[in-house]
Amino acid sequence: MKRTPIQELIEEMEKSPLMYANAIELAETMLEKEKEVIMYAYWHGGNDVLINPKIPEEYYNKTFKTKEI
């Protein structure tokens, strides 16, 4: 499964959680914004003719969602 840059950053910081506790929390809050940007790009990038507005979120979840936070 693909990972976004923020997901990769969180994964790296989790290797030293005591050092990066605040940064991990901040990066996790950025995941929702990153998701919105990816969905917007999918919708407006013409990747698909959208009949169902849930398709961009389904694309994100299928492509990038690796775990619940």
Protein backbone atom coordinates (compact mmCIF):
# COMPACT_ATOMS: atom_id res chain seq x y z
CA MET A 1 0.00 0.00 0.00
CA LYS A 2 1.23 3.50 -0.78
CA ARG A 3 1.98 5.91 2.03
CA THR A 4 1.76 9.67 1.96
CA PRO A 5 4.76 11.76 3.05
CA ILE A 6 3.08 12.55 6.39
CA GLN A 7 2.43 8.85 7.01
CA GLU A 8 6.11 8.11 6.32
CA LEU A 9 7.17 10.93 8.66
CA ILE A 10 4.97 9.62 11.48
CA GLU A 11 6.34 6.11 10.98
CA GLU A 12 9.92 7.38 11.25
CA MET A 13 9.17 9.49 14.35
CA GLU A 14 7.42 6.58 16.06
CA LYS A 15 10.80 4.82 16.15
CA SER A 16 11.82 7.35 18.86
CA PRO A 17 8.50 8.30 20.49
CA LEU A 18 10.00 10.06 23.53
CA MET A 19 11.99 12.42 21.36
CA TYR A 20 9.20 13.18 18.91
CA ALA A 21 5.99 13.01 21.00
CA ASN A 22 4.78 16.55 20.15
CA ALA A 23 5.82 16.26 16.52
CA ILE A 24 3.96 12.95 16.13
CA GLU A 25 0.79 14.53 17.51
CA LEU A 26 1.11 17.50 15.14
CA ALA A 27 1.79 15.27 12.14
CA GLU A 28 -1.23 13.12 12.96
CA THR A 29 -3.45 16.21 12.97
CA MET A 30 -2.06 17.07 9.52
CA LEU A 31 -3.25 13.74 8.10
CA GLU A 32 -6.83 15.00 7.77
CA LYS A 33 -5.71 18.09 5.87
CA GLU A 34 -3.50 15.95 3.64
CA LYS A 35 -6.47 13.66 2.96
CA GLU A 36 -8.57 16.65 1.89
CA VAL A 37 -5.83 17.83 -0.49
CA ILE A 38 -5.54 14.36 -2.07
CA MET A 39 -9.31 14.06 -2.45
CA TYR A 40 -9.53 17.58 -3.95
CA ALA A 41 -6.80 16.75 -6.44
CA TYR A 42 -8.53 13.51 -7.36
CA TRP A 43 -11.87 15.27 -7.84
CA HIS A 44 -10.56 18.27 -9.78
CA GLY A 45 -7.73 16.51 -11.56
CA GLY A 46 -10.07 14.74 -13.91
CA ASN A 47 -8.87 11.28 -12.91
CA ASP A 48 -12.40 9.97 -13.06
CA VAL A 49 -15.84 11.08 -14.13
CA LEU A 50 -17.52 11.37 -10.79
CA ILE A 51 -21.11 10.37 -10.36
CA ASN A 52 -20.75 9.62 -6.67
CA PRO A 53 -19.08 12.30 -4.49
CA LYS A 54 -17.79 9.55 -2.17
CA ILE A 55 -15.40 8.25 -4.85
CA PRO A 56 -12.48 10.56 -3.85
CA GLU A 57 -12.66 9.39 -0.22
CA GLU A 58 -12.90 5.76 -1.33
CA TYR A 59 -9.83 6.32 -3.51
CA TYR A 60 -7.92 7.82 -0.56
CA ASN A 61 -8.93 5.02 1.81
CA LYS A 62 -8.03 2.31 -0.68
CA THR A 63 -4.72 3.89 -1.69
CA PHE A 64 -3.35 5.54 1.45
CA LYS A 65 -5.24 4.60 4.60
CA THR A 66 -3.00 2.16 6.40
CA LYS A 67 -4.27 2.38 9.98
CA GLU A 68 -6.71 4.19 12.23
CA ILE A 69 -5.30 7.06 14.25
